[in-house]
Amino acid sequence: MIFDLTILLCCQLLGEVIAFATGLPVPGAVLGLVLLVVLLVVLRRAPGTLEGTATGLLQHFSLLFVPAGVGVMLHTTRIATEWPALLAALLASTVLTLAVTALTMRWCIRRLGLGEIA
């Protein structure tokens, strides 16, 4: 498990370093996730017990929302004054995400020849 956590944290650290060094407007954790995916594709399997460790972390995923909840509680006055913009951004991003997901799924189904799309 220590080795698996080291792999995960090293990927995140490399992502943070790349984001900082290049000034990309992408969070380092996201770049680290991309690096992890590239690593898994190159290896064609998960090293060690990485799959089990990742599953264990995902079982406690809800704990990661605690800081976000605290942030919301700290900024209630700002949210109260800027709620129309926040609501518009939330609705627009939700619709855009649904549309992109549907188009991607449609493309994958056609590309893999899994069936007809009505």
N, C-alpha and C. Protein backbone atom coordinates (compact mmCIF):
# COMPACT_ATOMS: atom_id res chain seq x y z
N MET A 1 0.82 -1.19 0.00
CA MET A 1 0.00 0.00 0.00
C MET A 1 0.87 1.26 0.00
N ILE A 2 1.98 1.25 0.71
CA ILE A 2 2.87 2.40 0.75
C ILE A 2 3.41 2.68 -0.65
N PHE A 3 3.79 1.63 -1.37
CA PHE A 3 4.30 1.78 -2.72
C PHE A 3 3.24 2.39 -3.63
N ASP A 4 2.01 1.93 -3.48
CA ASP A 4 0.91 2.43 -4.31
C ASP A 4 0.63 3.91 -4.02
N LEU A 5 0.60 4.27 -2.75
CA LEU A 5 0.39 5.68 -2.39
C LEU A 5 1.55 6.53 -2.89
N THR A 6 2.76 5.97 -2.89
CA THR A 6 3.92 6.70 -3.41
C THR A 6 3.75 6.97 -4.90
N ILE A 7 3.26 6.00 -5.65
CA ILE A 7 3.00 6.19 -7.08
C ILE A 7 1.99 7.31 -7.28
N LEU A 8 0.89 7.24 -6.54
CA LEU A 8 -0.16 8.26 -6.68
C LEU A 8 0.36 9.65 -6.33
N LEU A 9 1.07 9.75 -5.23
CA LEU A 9 1.58 11.06 -4.80
C LEU A 9 2.68 11.58 -5.72
N CYS A 10 3.51 10.69 -6.25
CA CYS A 10 4.54 11.12 -7.21
C CYS A 10 3.91 11.67 -8.49
N CYS A 11 2.87 11.01 -8.96
CA CYS A 11 2.16 11.51 -10.14
C CYS A 11 1.56 12.89 -9.86
N GLN A 12 0.98 13.06 -8.69
CA GLN A 12 0.42 14.36 -8.34
C GLN A 12 1.52 15.40 -8.21
N LEU A 13 2.64 15.05 -7.60
CA LEU A 13 3.75 15.98 -7.45
C LEU A 13 4.30 16.41 -8.80
N LEU A 14 4.48 15.45 -9.70
CA LEU A 14 4.94 15.79 -11.05
C LEU A 14 3.96 16.71 -11.76
N GLY A 15 2.68 16.44 -11.59
CA GLY A 15 1.66 17.32 -12.17
C GLY A 15 1.75 18.72 -11.62
N GLU A 16 1.94 18.85 -10.31
CA GLU A 16 2.07 20.17 -9.69
C GLU A 16 3.31 20.89 -10.21
N VAL A 17 4.41 20.17 -10.34
CA VAL A 17 5.66 20.76 -10.84
C VAL A 17 5.47 21.24 -12.28
N ILE A 18 4.84 20.42 -13.10
CA ILE A 18 4.60 20.80 -14.50
C ILE A 18 3.69 22.02 -14.57
N ALA A 19 2.63 22.03 -13.79
CA ALA A 19 1.71 23.17 -13.80
C ALA A 19 2.41 24.44 -13.35
N PHE A 20 3.25 24.34 -12.33
CA PHE A 20 3.96 25.52 -11.82
C PHE A 20 5.01 25.99 -12.81
N ALA A 21 5.77 25.04 -13.39
CA ALA A 21 6.87 25.39 -14.29
C ALA A 21 6.38 25.97 -15.61
N THR A 22 5.26 25.47 -16.11
CA THR A 22 4.78 25.91 -17.42
C THR A 22 3.75 27.03 -17.32
N GLY A 23 3.17 27.20 -16.14
CA GLY A 23 2.14 28.23 -15.99
C GLY A 23 0.82 27.86 -16.65
N LEU A 24 0.62 26.58 -16.89
CA LEU A 24 -0.63 26.13 -17.50
C LEU A 24 -1.81 26.44 -16.56
N PRO A 25 -2.95 26.82 -17.14
CA PRO A 25 -4.11 27.11 -16.28
C PRO A 25 -4.89 25.84 -15.92
N VAL A 26 -4.16 24.78 -15.63
CA VAL A 26 -4.76 23.49 -15.27
C VAL A 26 -4.20 23.11 -13.90
N PRO A 27 -5.06 22.66 -12.99
CA PRO A 27 -4.55 22.25 -11.67
C PRO A 27 -3.52 21.12 -11.79
N GLY A 28 -2.53 21.17 -10.93
CA GLY A 28 -1.50 20.14 -10.94
C GLY A 28 -2.03 18.75 -10.69
N ALA A 29 -3.09 18.66 -9.87
CA ALA A 29 -3.68 17.35 -9.59
C ALA A 29 -4.27 16.74 -10.87
N VAL A 30 -4.83 17.58 -11.72
CA VAL A 30 -5.39 17.08 -12.99
C VAL A 30 -4.26 16.60 -13.89
N LEU A 31 -3.19 17.36 -13.97
CA LEU A 31 -2.04 16.92 -14.77
C LEU A 31 -1.45 15.63 -14.20
N GLY A 32 -1.43 15.51 -12.88
CA GLY A 32 -0.95 14.27 -12.26
C GLY A 32 -1.82 13.09 -12.62
N LEU A 33 -3.13 13.31 -12.69
CA LEU A 33 -4.04 12.24 -13.09
C LEU A 33 -3.78 11.82 -14.53
N VAL A 34 -3.52 12.80 -15.39
CA VAL A 34 -3.19 12.49 -16.79
C VAL A 34 -1.90 11.67 -16.84
N LEU A 35 -0.91 12.06 -16.05
CA LEU A 35 0.35 11.30 -16.00
C LEU A 35 0.11 9.87 -15.52
N LEU A 36 -0.77 9.71 -14.53
CA LEU A 36 -1.09 8.37 -14.03
C LEU A 36 -1.76 7.53 -15.12
N VAL A 37 -2.68 8.14 -15.86
CA VAL A 37 -3.34 7.41 -16.95
C VAL A 37 -2.32 7.00 -18.01
N VAL A 38 -1.41 7.91 -18.36
CA VAL A 38 -0.37 7.59 -19.34
C VAL A 38 0.49 6.44 -18.82
N LEU A 39 0.85 6.49 -17.54
CA LEU A 39 1.65 5.42 -16.94
C LEU A 39 0.93 4.07 -17.03
N LEU A 40 -0.37 4.07 -16.72
CA LEU A 40 -1.13 2.82 -16.77
C LEU A 40 -1.29 2.31 -18.19
N VAL A 41 -1.43 3.22 -19.15
CA VAL A 41 -1.54 2.79 -20.55
C VAL A 41 -0.22 2.20 -21.04
N VAL A 42 0.88 2.84 -20.66
CA VAL A 42 2.20 2.33 -21.07
C VAL A 42 2.46 0.97 -20.45
N LEU A 43 2.15 0.81 -19.17
CA LEU A 43 2.38 -0.47 -18.49
C LEU A 43 1.35 -1.53 -18.85
N ARG A 44 0.19 -1.10 -19.34
CA ARG A 44 -0.92 -1.99 -19.71
C ARG A 44 -1.52 -2.74 -18.52
N ARG A 45 -1.19 -2.30 -17.32
CA ARG A 45 -1.77 -2.89 -16.11
C ARG A 45 -1.43 -1.96 -14.94
N ALA A 46 -2.15 -2.17 -13.86
CA ALA A 46 -1.88 -1.39 -12.65
C ALA A 46 -0.74 -2.05 -11.89
N PRO A 47 0.31 -1.29 -11.54
CA PRO A 47 1.43 -1.89 -10.82
C PRO A 47 1.04 -2.25 -9.38
N GLY A 48 1.55 -3.38 -8.91
CA GLY A 48 1.32 -3.81 -7.54
C GLY A 48 -0.15 -3.93 -7.20
N THR A 49 -0.52 -3.41 -6.08
CA THR A 49 -1.90 -3.46 -5.63
C THR A 49 -2.55 -2.08 -5.77
N LEU A 50 -2.13 -1.34 -6.79
CA LEU A 50 -2.64 0.02 -6.99
C LEU A 50 -4.15 0.05 -7.12
N GLU A 51 -4.71 -0.94 -7.78
CA GLU A 51 -6.16 -0.98 -7.96
C GLU A 51 -6.88 -1.08 -6.61
N GLY A 52 -6.38 -1.93 -5.73
CA GLY A 52 -6.98 -2.07 -4.41
C GLY A 52 -6.84 -0.81 -3.56
N THR A 53 -5.69 -0.17 -3.65
CA THR A 53 -5.46 1.07 -2.91
C THR A 53 -6.38 2.17 -3.42
N ALA A 54 -6.50 2.28 -4.73
CA ALA A 54 -7.37 3.29 -5.32
C ALA A 54 -8.82 3.05 -4.93
N THR A 55 -9.24 1.80 -4.90
CA THR A 55 -10.60 1.47 -4.48
C THR A 55 -10.83 1.86 -3.03
N GLY A 56 -9.85 1.60 -2.18
CA GLY A 56 -9.95 1.99 -0.78
C GLY A 56 -10.06 3.49 -0.61
N LEU A 57 -9.30 4.25 -1.40
CA LEU A 57 -9.38 5.71 -1.35
C LEU A 57 -10.74 6.20 -1.84
N LEU A 58 -11.25 5.58 -2.89
CA LEU A 58 -12.54 6.00 -3.43
C LEU A 58 -13.69 5.71 -2.48
N GLN A 59 -13.54 4.71 -1.63
CA GLN A 59 -14.58 4.42 -0.65
C GLN A 59 -14.73 5.55 0.36
N HIS A 60 -13.68 6.34 0.54
CA HIS A 60 -13.71 7.46 1.48
C HIS A 60 -13.68 8.80 0.75
N PHE A 61 -14.13 8.79 -0.47
CA PHE A 61 -14.10 9.98 -1.33
C PHE A 61 -14.92 11.13 -0.75
N SER A 62 -15.99 10.80 -0.04
CA SER A 62 -16.85 11.85 0.51
C SER A 62 -16.10 12.75 1.49
N LEU A 63 -15.05 12.26 2.10
CA LEU A 63 -14.26 13.09 3.02
C LEU A 63 -13.61 14.28 2.30
N LEU A 64 -13.39 14.13 1.00
CA LEU A 64 -12.75 15.21 0.25
C LEU A 64 -13.69 16.39 0.04
N PHE A 65 -14.98 16.20 0.29
CA PHE A 65 -15.93 17.29 0.13
C PHE A 65 -16.04 18.15 1.38
N VAL A 66 -15.43 17.73 2.47
CA VAL A 66 -15.48 18.52 3.70
C VAL A 66 -14.84 19.89 3.51
N PRO A 67 -13.64 20.01 2.92
CA PRO A 67 -13.07 21.34 2.71
C PRO A 67 -13.95 22.24 1.84
N ALA A 68 -14.59 21.66 0.84
CA ALA A 68 -15.48 22.46 -0.01
C ALA A 68 -16.67 22.96 0.79
N GLY A 69 -17.21 22.12 1.64
CA GLY A 69 -18.33 22.53 2.49
C GLY A 69 -17.94 23.64 3.44
N VAL A 70 -16.74 23.55 4.00
CA VAL A 70 -16.25 24.60 4.89
C VAL A 70 -16.07 25.90 4.11
N GLY A 71 -15.58 25.80 2.88
CA GLY A 71 -15.42 26.99 2.04
C GLY A 71 -16.75 27.67 1.77
N VAL A 72 -17.77 26.88 1.52
CA VAL A 72 -19.11 27.44 1.29
C VAL A 72 -19.60 28.15 2.55
N MET A 73 -19.37 27.54 3.71
CA MET A 73 -19.81 28.15 4.96
C MET A 73 -19.07 29.46 5.25
N LEU A 74 -17.82 29.54 4.84
CA LEU A 74 -17.03 30.75 5.09
C LEU A 74 -17.41 31.90 4.16
N HIS A 75 -17.96 31.59 3.01
CA HIS A 75 -18.24 32.61 2.00
C HIS A 75 -19.74 32.78 1.75
N THR A 76 -20.56 32.60 2.76
CA THR A 76 -22.01 32.71 2.57
C THR A 76 -22.43 34.11 2.14
N THR A 77 -21.78 35.15 2.64
CA THR A 77 -22.16 36.51 2.24
C THR A 77 -21.83 36.75 0.77
N ARG A 78 -20.70 36.25 0.33
CA ARG A 78 -20.34 36.40 -1.09
C ARG A 78 -21.30 35.62 -1.98
N ILE A 79 -21.65 34.42 -1.55
CA ILE A 79 -22.60 33.61 -2.31
C ILE A 79 -23.96 34.30 -2.36
N ALA A 80 -24.35 34.92 -1.24
CA ALA A 80 -25.64 35.61 -1.20
C ALA A 80 -25.68 36.79 -2.18
N THR A 81 -24.55 37.46 -2.37
CA THR A 81 -24.54 38.61 -3.28
C THR A 81 -24.32 38.22 -4.74
N GLU A 82 -23.65 37.09 -4.97
CA GLU A 82 -23.31 36.70 -6.35
C GLU A 82 -24.06 35.47 -6.82
N TRP A 83 -25.20 35.16 -6.18
CA TRP A 83 -25.91 33.93 -6.53
C TRP A 83 -26.41 33.87 -7.96
N PRO A 84 -26.84 35.00 -8.60
CA PRO A 84 -27.29 34.85 -9.99
C PRO A 84 -26.18 34.37 -10.93
N ALA A 85 -24.99 34.92 -10.76
CA ALA A 85 -23.87 34.49 -11.61
C ALA A 85 -23.49 33.05 -11.32
N LEU A 86 -23.49 32.68 -10.05
CA LEU A 86 -23.18 31.30 -9.68
C LEU A 86 -24.21 30.32 -10.25
N LEU A 87 -25.48 30.68 -10.15
CA LEU A 87 -26.54 29.82 -10.68
C LEU A 87 -26.42 29.67 -12.20
N ALA A 88 -26.15 30.78 -12.88
CA ALA A 88 -26.00 30.73 -14.35
C ALA A 88 -24.81 29.85 -14.73
N ALA A 89 -23.69 30.01 -14.03
CA ALA A 89 -22.52 29.20 -14.32
C ALA A 89 -22.79 27.72 -14.05
N LEU A 90 -23.48 27.43 -12.97
CA LEU A 90 -23.80 26.05 -12.62
C LEU A 90 -24.71 25.41 -13.67
N LEU A 91 -25.75 26.12 -14.08
CA LEU A 91 -26.67 25.58 -15.09
C LEU A 91 -25.99 25.41 -16.44
N ALA A 92 -25.22 26.43 -16.86
CA ALA A 92 -24.53 26.35 -18.16
C ALA A 92 -23.52 25.21 -18.17
N SER A 93 -22.74 25.06 -17.10
CA SER A 93 -21.74 24.00 -17.07
C SER A 93 -22.39 22.62 -17.02
N THR A 94 -23.53 22.50 -16.35
CA THR A 94 -24.23 21.22 -16.30
C THR A 94 -24.75 20.83 -17.68
N VAL A 95 -25.38 21.77 -18.37
CA VAL A 95 -25.90 21.49 -19.72
C VAL A 95 -24.75 21.17 -20.68
N LEU A 96 -23.66 21.93 -20.60
CA LEU A 96 -22.51 21.68 -21.47
C LEU A 96 -21.90 20.31 -21.18
N THR A 97 -21.79 19.94 -19.91
CA THR A 97 -21.23 18.64 -19.55
C THR A 97 -22.11 17.50 -20.07
N LEU A 98 -23.42 17.64 -19.92
CA LEU A 98 -24.32 16.61 -20.43
C LEU A 98 -24.21 16.47 -21.95
N ALA A 99 -24.14 17.61 -22.64
CA ALA A 99 -24.05 17.57 -24.11
C ALA A 99 -22.74 16.93 -24.56
N VAL A 100 -21.64 17.32 -23.96
CA VAL A 100 -20.33 16.76 -24.34
C VAL A 100 -20.28 15.27 -24.02
N THR A 101 -20.82 14.88 -22.88
CA THR A 101 -20.85 13.46 -22.52
C THR A 101 -21.68 12.65 -23.51
N ALA A 102 -22.84 13.17 -23.89
CA ALA A 102 -23.70 12.46 -24.84
C ALA A 102 -23.02 12.35 -26.21
N LEU A 103 -22.40 13.42 -26.67
CA LEU A 103 -21.71 13.37 -27.97
C LEU A 103 -20.51 12.43 -27.93
N THR A 104 -19.79 12.42 -26.83
CA THR A 104 -18.65 11.52 -26.70
C THR A 104 -19.11 10.07 -26.68
N MET A 105 -20.18 9.79 -25.96
CA MET A 105 -20.71 8.43 -25.92
C MET A 105 -21.20 7.99 -27.30
N ARG A 106 -21.87 8.90 -27.98
CA ARG A 106 -22.34 8.58 -29.34
C ARG A 106 -21.17 8.27 -30.26
N TRP A 107 -20.09 9.08 -30.16
CA TRP A 107 -18.91 8.86 -30.98
C TRP A 107 -18.26 7.52 -30.65
N CYS A 108 -18.17 7.19 -29.35
CA CYS A 108 -17.55 5.92 -28.94
C CYS A 108 -18.36 4.73 -29.44
N ILE A 109 -19.67 4.81 -29.35
CA ILE A 109 -20.52 3.71 -29.81
C ILE A 109 -20.34 3.51 -31.31
N ARG A 110 -20.33 4.59 -32.07
CA ARG A 110 -20.14 4.47 -33.52
C ARG A 110 -18.76 3.93 -33.86
N ARG A 111 -17.75 4.47 -33.17
CA ARG A 111 -16.36 4.07 -33.44
C ARG A 111 -16.13 2.59 -33.14
N LEU A 112 -16.74 2.11 -32.06
CA LEU A 112 -16.56 0.72 -31.67
C LEU A 112 -17.55 -0.22 -32.34
N GLY A 113 -18.53 0.36 -33.05
CA GLY A 113 -19.51 -0.45 -33.76
C GLY A 113 -20.39 -1.26 -32.82
N LEU A 114 -20.82 -0.65 -31.73
CA LEU A 114 -21.60 -1.37 -30.73
C LEU A 114 -23.10 -1.36 -30.99
N GLY A 115 -23.55 -0.66 -31.97
CA GLY A 115 -24.99 -0.68 -32.24
C GLY A 115 -25.46 0.60 -32.88
N GLU A 116 -26.73 0.59 -33.19
CA GLU A 116 -27.37 1.74 -33.82
C GLU A 116 -27.77 2.76 -32.77
N ILE A 117 -27.67 4.02 -33.13
CA ILE A 117 -28.14 5.11 -32.27
C ILE A 117 -29.39 5.69 -32.93
N ALA A 118 -30.42 5.77 -32.15
CA ALA A 118 -31.69 6.31 -32.70
C ALA A 118 -31.61 7.78 -32.88
